[in-house]
Amino acid sequence: MLEFVRALRRDRAFLSRLPSFLLAFVVAELFFKFHSFALECLAFLATWLVVDLIVDRATAWWGTKAT
């Protein structure tokens, strides 16, 4: 586990996904109250996926508009 965490710190992809992770985490903490860990975990992962897709598409769009 410790080696995995060390590898994450060296990987730039992890750092680029961190803002969408934090936003999804805050949304899940504030709005998801299913009284089931499994359901809340799945909802968090789905939220993270959607937020990450939006950020990725917006970044790609912004990059094409800037050039």
PDB file of N, CA and C in Angstrom:
ATOM      1  N   MET A   1       0.828  -1.197   0.000  1.00  0.00           N
ATOM      2  CA  MET A   1       0.000   0.000   0.000  1.00  0.00           C
ATOM      3  C   MET A   1       0.868   1.255   0.000  1.00  0.00           C
ATOM      4  N   LEU A   2       1.906   1.245   0.797  1.00  0.00           N
ATOM      5  CA  LEU A   2       2.785   2.411   0.873  1.00  0.00           C
ATOM      6  C   LEU A   2       3.464   2.674  -0.465  1.00  0.00           C
ATOM      7  N   GLU A   3       3.872   1.642  -1.159  1.00  0.00           N
ATOM      8  CA  GLU A   3       4.488   1.803  -2.478  1.00  0.00           C
ATOM      9  C   GLU A   3       3.491   2.383  -3.486  1.00  0.00           C
ATOM     10  N   PHE A   4       2.238   1.979  -3.366  1.00  0.00           N
ATOM     11  CA  PHE A   4       1.185   2.520  -4.232  1.00  0.00           C
ATOM     12  C   PHE A   4       1.018   4.021  -4.008  1.00  0.00           C
ATOM     13  N   VAL A   5       1.008   4.452  -2.761  1.00  0.00           N
ATOM     14  CA  VAL A   5       0.863   5.874  -2.439  1.00  0.00           C
ATOM     15  C   VAL A   5       2.076   6.652  -2.947  1.00  0.00           C
ATOM     16  N   ARG A   6       3.264   6.094  -2.813  1.00  0.00           N
ATOM     17  CA  ARG A   6       4.458   6.758  -3.340  1.00  0.00           C
ATOM     18  C   ARG A   6       4.388   6.909  -4.853  1.00  0.00           C
ATOM     19  N   ALA A   7       3.883   5.895  -5.526  1.00  0.00           N
ATOM     20  CA  ALA A   7       3.750   5.956  -6.982  1.00  0.00           C
ATOM     21  C   ALA A   7       2.736   7.021  -7.390  1.00  0.00           C
ATOM     22  N   LEU A   8       1.686   7.194  -6.606  1.00  0.00           N
ATOM     23  CA  LEU A   8       0.690   8.223  -6.907  1.00  0.00           C
ATOM     24  C   LEU A   8       1.287   9.620  -6.821  1.00  0.00           C
ATOM     25  N   ARG A   9       2.157   9.838  -5.874  1.00  0.00           N
ATOM     26  CA  ARG A   9       2.749  11.165  -5.722  1.00  0.00           C
ATOM     27  C   ARG A   9       3.652  11.513  -6.900  1.00  0.00           C
ATOM     28  N   ARG A  10       4.274  10.516  -7.507  1.00  0.00           N
ATOM     29  CA  ARG A  10       5.158  10.766  -8.647  1.00  0.00           C
ATOM     30  C   ARG A  10       4.381  10.918  -9.941  1.00  0.00           C
ATOM     31  N   ASP A  11       3.159  10.455  -9.968  1.00  0.00           N
ATOM     32  CA  ASP A  11       2.378  10.443 -11.197  1.00  0.00           C
ATOM     33  C   ASP A  11       1.637  11.770 -11.372  1.00  0.00           C
ATOM     34  N   ARG A  12       1.839  12.419 -12.506  1.00  0.00           N
ATOM     35  CA  ARG A  12       1.171  13.694 -12.790  1.00  0.00           C
ATOM     36  C   ARG A  12      -0.316  13.512 -13.053  1.00  0.00           C
ATOM     37  N   ALA A  13      -0.737  12.356 -13.543  1.00  0.00           N
ATOM     38  CA  ALA A  13      -2.156  12.123 -13.809  1.00  0.00           C
ATOM     39  C   ALA A  13      -2.959  12.214 -12.511  1.00  0.00           C
ATOM     40  N   PHE A  14      -2.389  11.759 -11.420  1.00  0.00           N
ATOM     41  CA  PHE A  14      -3.075  11.845 -10.129  1.00  0.00           C
ATOM     42  C   PHE A  14      -3.307  13.300  -9.743  1.00  0.00           C
ATOM     43  N   LEU A  15      -2.299  14.125  -9.937  1.00  0.00           N
ATOM     44  CA  LEU A  15      -2.437  15.536  -9.562  1.00  0.00           C
ATOM     45  C   LEU A  15      -3.447  16.263 -10.435  1.00  0.00           C
ATOM     46  N   SER A  16      -3.563  15.859 -11.694  1.00  0.00           N
ATOM     47  CA  SER A  16      -4.539  16.519 -12.555  1.00  0.00           C
ATOM     48  C   SER A  16      -5.964  16.081 -12.233  1.00  0.00           C
ATOM     49  N   ARG A  17      -6.143  14.944 -11.611  1.00  0.00           N
ATOM     50  CA  ARG A  17      -7.477  14.454 -11.240  1.00  0.00           C
ATOM     51  C   ARG A  17      -7.886  14.861  -9.827  1.00  0.00           C
ATOM     52  N   LEU A  18      -6.969  15.417  -9.081  1.00  0.00           N
ATOM     53  CA  LEU A  18      -7.251  15.767  -7.692  1.00  0.00           C
ATOM     54  C   LEU A  18      -8.383  16.796  -7.529  1.00  0.00           C
ATOM     55  N   PRO A  19      -8.460  17.871  -8.328  1.00  0.00           N
ATOM     56  CA  PRO A  19      -9.573  18.819  -8.150  1.00  0.00           C
ATOM     57  C   PRO A  19     -10.950  18.191  -8.372  1.00  0.00           C
ATOM     58  N   SER A  20     -11.081  17.341  -9.384  1.00  0.00           N
ATOM     59  CA  SER A  20     -12.382  16.711  -9.616  1.00  0.00           C
ATOM     60  C   SER A  20     -12.708  15.722  -8.490  1.00  0.00           C
ATOM     61  N   PHE A  21     -11.689  15.060  -7.948  1.00  0.00           N
ATOM     62  CA  PHE A  21     -11.904  14.170  -6.803  1.00  0.00           C
ATOM     63  C   PHE A  21     -12.423  14.954  -5.606  1.00  0.00           C
ATOM     64  N   LEU A  22     -11.788  16.076  -5.317  1.00  0.00           N
ATOM     65  CA  LEU A  22     -12.198  16.872  -4.158  1.00  0.00           C
ATOM     66  C   LEU A  22     -13.605  17.440  -4.322  1.00  0.00           C
ATOM     67  N   LEU A  23     -13.938  17.901  -5.528  1.00  0.00           N
ATOM     68  CA  LEU A  23     -15.286  18.409  -5.774  1.00  0.00           C
ATOM     69  C   LEU A  23     -16.324  17.296  -5.607  1.00  0.00           C
ATOM     70  N   ALA A  24     -16.046  16.124  -6.159  1.00  0.00           N
ATOM     71  CA  ALA A  24     -16.969  14.995  -6.024  1.00  0.00           C
ATOM     72  C   ALA A  24     -17.095  14.568  -4.565  1.00  0.00           C
ATOM     73  N   PHE A  25     -16.008  14.628  -3.835  1.00  0.00           N
ATOM     74  CA  PHE A  25     -16.035  14.261  -2.413  1.00  0.00           C
ATOM     75  C   PHE A  25     -16.919  15.220  -1.619  1.00  0.00           C
ATOM     76  N   VAL A  26     -16.795  16.506  -1.891  1.00  0.00           N
ATOM     77  CA  VAL A  26     -17.621  17.508  -1.194  1.00  0.00           C
ATOM     78  C   VAL A  26     -19.093  17.326  -1.551  1.00  0.00           C
ATOM     79  N   VAL A  27     -19.385  17.107  -2.827  1.00  0.00           N
ATOM     80  CA  VAL A  27     -20.770  16.884  -3.243  1.00  0.00           C
ATOM     81  C   VAL A  27     -21.340  15.644  -2.560  1.00  0.00           C
ATOM     82  N   ALA A  28     -20.573  14.583  -2.528  1.00  0.00           N
ATOM     83  CA  ALA A  28     -21.042  13.349  -1.900  1.00  0.00           C
ATOM     84  C   ALA A  28     -21.268  13.541  -0.407  1.00  0.00           C
ATOM     85  N   GLU A  29     -20.375  14.256   0.230  1.00  0.00           N
ATOM     86  CA  GLU A  29     -20.501  14.470   1.670  1.00  0.00           C
ATOM     87  C   GLU A  29     -21.722  15.329   2.007  1.00  0.00           C
ATOM     88  N   LEU A  30     -22.002  16.313   1.175  1.00  0.00           N
ATOM     89  CA  LEU A  30     -23.114  17.212   1.465  1.00  0.00           C
ATOM     90  C   LEU A  30     -24.482  16.655   1.076  1.00  0.00           C
ATOM     91  N   PHE A  31     -24.556  15.892  -0.007  1.00  0.00           N
ATOM     92  CA  PHE A  31     -25.855  15.550  -0.567  1.00  0.00           C
ATOM     93  C   PHE A  31     -26.240  14.073  -0.505  1.00  0.00           C
ATOM     94  N   PHE A  32     -25.284  13.165  -0.381  1.00  0.00           N
ATOM     95  CA  PHE A  32     -25.614  11.739  -0.432  1.00  0.00           C
ATOM     96  C   PHE A  32     -25.789  11.185   0.977  1.00  0.00           C
ATOM     97  N   LYS A  33     -27.013  10.855   1.314  1.00  0.00           N
ATOM     98  CA  LYS A  33     -27.344  10.268   2.616  1.00  0.00           C
ATOM     99  C   LYS A  33     -28.247   9.054   2.392  1.00  0.00           C
ATOM    100  N   PHE A  34     -27.658   7.982   1.851  1.00  0.00           N
ATOM    101  CA  PHE A  34     -28.437   6.790   1.514  1.00  0.00           C
ATOM    102  C   PHE A  34     -28.521   5.791   2.654  1.00  0.00           C
ATOM    103  N   HIS A  35     -27.796   6.027   3.747  1.00  0.00           N
ATOM    104  CA  HIS A  35     -27.743   5.107   4.886  1.00  0.00           C
ATOM    105  C   HIS A  35     -27.211   3.746   4.479  1.00  0.00           C
ATOM    106  N   SER A  36     -26.404   3.729   3.440  1.00  0.00           N
ATOM    107  CA  SER A  36     -25.755   2.513   2.974  1.00  0.00           C
ATOM    108  C   SER A  36     -24.391   2.912   2.417  1.00  0.00           C
ATOM    109  N   PHE A  37     -23.348   2.332   2.999  1.00  0.00           N
ATOM    110  CA  PHE A  37     -22.008   2.682   2.549  1.00  0.00           C
ATOM    111  C   PHE A  37     -21.808   2.337   1.080  1.00  0.00           C
ATOM    112  N   ALA A  38     -22.285   1.183   0.672  1.00  0.00           N
ATOM    113  CA  ALA A  38     -22.095   0.739  -0.711  1.00  0.00           C
ATOM    114  C   ALA A  38     -22.768   1.695  -1.696  1.00  0.00           C
ATOM    115  N   LEU A  39     -23.996   2.095  -1.406  1.00  0.00           N
ATOM    116  CA  LEU A  39     -24.694   3.020  -2.298  1.00  0.00           C
ATOM    117  C   LEU A  39     -24.013   4.388  -2.342  1.00  0.00           C
ATOM    118  N   GLU A  40     -23.588   4.881  -1.185  1.00  0.00           N
ATOM    119  CA  GLU A  40     -22.909   6.171  -1.153  1.00  0.00           C
ATOM    120  C   GLU A  40     -21.570   6.105  -1.875  1.00  0.00           C
ATOM    121  N   CYS A  41     -20.867   4.996  -1.751  1.00  0.00           N
ATOM    122  CA  CYS A  41     -19.595   4.825  -2.448  1.00  0.00           C
ATOM    123  C   CYS A  41     -19.799   4.788  -3.958  1.00  0.00           C
ATOM    124  N   LEU A  42     -20.792   4.049  -4.408  1.00  0.00           N
ATOM    125  CA  LEU A  42     -21.089   3.999  -5.836  1.00  0.00           C
ATOM    126  C   LEU A  42     -21.526   5.365  -6.364  1.00  0.00           C
ATOM    127  N   ALA A  43     -22.329   6.071  -5.595  1.00  0.00           N
ATOM    128  CA  ALA A  43     -22.765   7.404  -6.009  1.00  0.00           C
ATOM    129  C   ALA A  43     -21.582   8.369  -6.060  1.00  0.00           C
ATOM    130  N   PHE A  44     -20.675   8.253  -5.107  1.00  0.00           N
ATOM    131  CA  PHE A  44     -19.474   9.091  -5.124  1.00  0.00           C
ATOM    132  C   PHE A  44     -18.630   8.800  -6.357  1.00  0.00           C
ATOM    133  N   LEU A  45     -18.416   7.523  -6.668  1.00  0.00           N
ATOM    134  CA  LEU A  45     -17.612   7.165  -7.829  1.00  0.00           C
ATOM    135  C   LEU A  45     -18.262   7.632  -9.131  1.00  0.00           C
ATOM    136  N   ALA A  46     -19.587   7.519  -9.210  1.00  0.00           N
ATOM    137  CA  ALA A  46     -20.294   8.002 -10.399  1.00  0.00           C
ATOM    138  C   ALA A  46     -20.180   9.524 -10.511  1.00  0.00           C
ATOM    139  N   THR A  47     -20.293  10.217  -9.385  1.00  0.00           N
ATOM    140  CA  THR A  47     -20.152  11.671  -9.383  1.00  0.00           C
ATOM    141  C   THR A  47     -18.755  12.075  -9.803  1.00  0.00           C
ATOM    142  N   TRP A  48     -17.749  11.372  -9.295  1.00  0.00           N
ATOM    143  CA  TRP A  48     -16.368  11.657  -9.655  1.00  0.00           C
ATOM    144  C   TRP A  48     -16.159  11.451 -11.159  1.00  0.00           C
ATOM    145  N   LEU A  49     -16.744  10.397 -11.699  1.00  0.00           N
ATOM    146  CA  LEU A  49     -16.633  10.132 -13.128  1.00  0.00           C
ATOM    147  C   LEU A  49     -17.238  11.267 -13.947  1.00  0.00           C
ATOM    148  N   VAL A  50     -18.432  11.701 -13.573  1.00  0.00           N
ATOM    149  CA  VAL A  50     -19.112  12.769 -14.325  1.00  0.00           C
ATOM    150  C   VAL A  50     -18.346  14.083 -14.202  1.00  0.00           C
ATOM    151  N   VAL A  51     -17.918  14.428 -13.002  1.00  0.00           N
ATOM    152  CA  VAL A  51     -17.171  15.674 -12.811  1.00  0.00           C
ATOM    153  C   VAL A  51     -15.857  15.614 -13.588  1.00  0.00           C
ATOM    154  N   ASP A  52     -15.187  14.483 -13.554  1.00  0.00           N
ATOM    155  CA  ASP A  52     -13.926  14.346 -14.271  1.00  0.00           C
ATOM    156  C   ASP A  52     -14.122  14.442 -15.781  1.00  0.00           C
ATOM    157  N   LEU A  53     -15.207  13.858 -16.281  1.00  0.00           N
ATOM    158  CA  LEU A  53     -15.503  13.978 -17.707  1.00  0.00           C
ATOM    159  C   LEU A  53     -15.764  15.433 -18.102  1.00  0.00           C
ATOM    160  N   ILE A  54     -16.519  16.146 -17.277  1.00  0.00           N
ATOM    161  CA  ILE A  54     -16.812  17.549 -17.554  1.00  0.00           C
ATOM    162  C   ILE A  54     -15.533  18.378 -17.541  1.00  0.00           C
ATOM    163  N   VAL A  55     -14.687  18.162 -16.549  1.00  0.00           N
ATOM    164  CA  VAL A  55     -13.424  18.898 -16.469  1.00  0.00           C
ATOM    165  C   VAL A  55     -12.525  18.559 -17.651  1.00  0.00           C
ATOM    166  N   ASP A  56     -12.479  17.286 -18.021  1.00  0.00           N
ATOM    167  CA  ASP A  56     -11.644  16.863 -19.142  1.00  0.00           C
ATOM    168  C   ASP A  56     -12.123  17.477 -20.456  1.00  0.00           C
ATOM    169  N   ARG A  57     -13.430  17.444 -20.683  1.00  0.00           N
ATOM    170  CA  ARG A  57     -13.982  18.044 -21.917  1.00  0.00           C
ATOM    171  C   ARG A  57     -13.803  19.555 -21.922  1.00  0.00           C
ATOM    172  N   ALA A  58     -14.013  20.201 -20.785  1.00  0.00           N
ATOM    173  CA  ALA A  58     -13.843  21.655 -20.721  1.00  0.00           C
ATOM    174  C   ALA A  58     -12.382  22.031 -20.948  1.00  0.00           C
ATOM    175  N   THR A  59     -11.469  21.263 -20.422  1.00  0.00           N
ATOM    176  CA  THR A  59     -10.052  21.535 -20.623  1.00  0.00           C
ATOM    177  C   THR A  59      -9.675  21.353 -22.082  1.00  0.00           C
ATOM    178  N   ALA A  60     -10.190  20.306 -22.706  1.00  0.00           N
ATOM    179  CA  ALA A  60      -9.909  20.071 -24.125  1.00  0.00           C
ATOM    180  C   ALA A  60     -10.516  21.187 -24.971  1.00  0.00           C
ATOM    181  N   TRP A  61     -11.730  21.604 -24.669  1.00  0.00           N
ATOM    182  CA  TRP A  61     -12.384  22.669 -25.410  1.00  0.00           C
ATOM    183  C   TRP A  61     -11.641  23.987 -25.223  1.00  0.00           C
ATOM    184  N   TRP A  62     -11.252  24.271 -23.985  1.00  0.00           N
ATOM    185  CA  TRP A  62     -10.544  25.500 -23.682  1.00  0.00           C
ATOM    186  C   TRP A  62      -9.195  25.510 -24.397  1.00  0.00           C
ATOM    187  N   GLY A  63      -8.550  24.346 -24.490  1.00  0.00           N
ATOM    188  CA  GLY A  63      -7.261  24.263 -25.170  1.00  0.00           C
ATOM    189  C   GLY A  63      -7.380  24.513 -26.655  1.00  0.00           C
ATOM    190  N   THR A  64      -8.458  24.060 -27.269  1.00  0.00           N
ATOM    191  CA  THR A  64      -8.649  24.284 -28.705  1.00  0.00           C
ATOM    192  C   THR A  64      -9.052  25.732 -28.973  1.00  0.00           C
ATOM    193  N   LYS A  65      -9.764  26.356 -28.050  1.00  0.00           N
ATOM    194  CA  LYS A  65     -10.190  27.752 -28.247  1.00  0.00           C
ATOM    195  C   LYS A  65      -9.010  28.715 -28.051  1.00  0.00           C
ATOM    196  N   ALA A  66      -8.029  28.329 -27.219  1.00  0.00           N
ATOM    197  CA  ALA A  66      -6.912  29.209 -26.917  1.00  0.00           C
ATOM    198  C   ALA A  66      -5.911  29.275 -28.065  1.00  0.00           C
ATOM    199  N   THR A  67      -5.871  28.268 -28.906  1.00  0.00           N
ATOM    200  CA  THR A  67      -4.873  28.272 -29.987  1.00  0.00           C
ATOM    201  C   THR A  67      -5.401  28.911 -31.246  1.00  0.00           C
TER     202      THR A  67
END
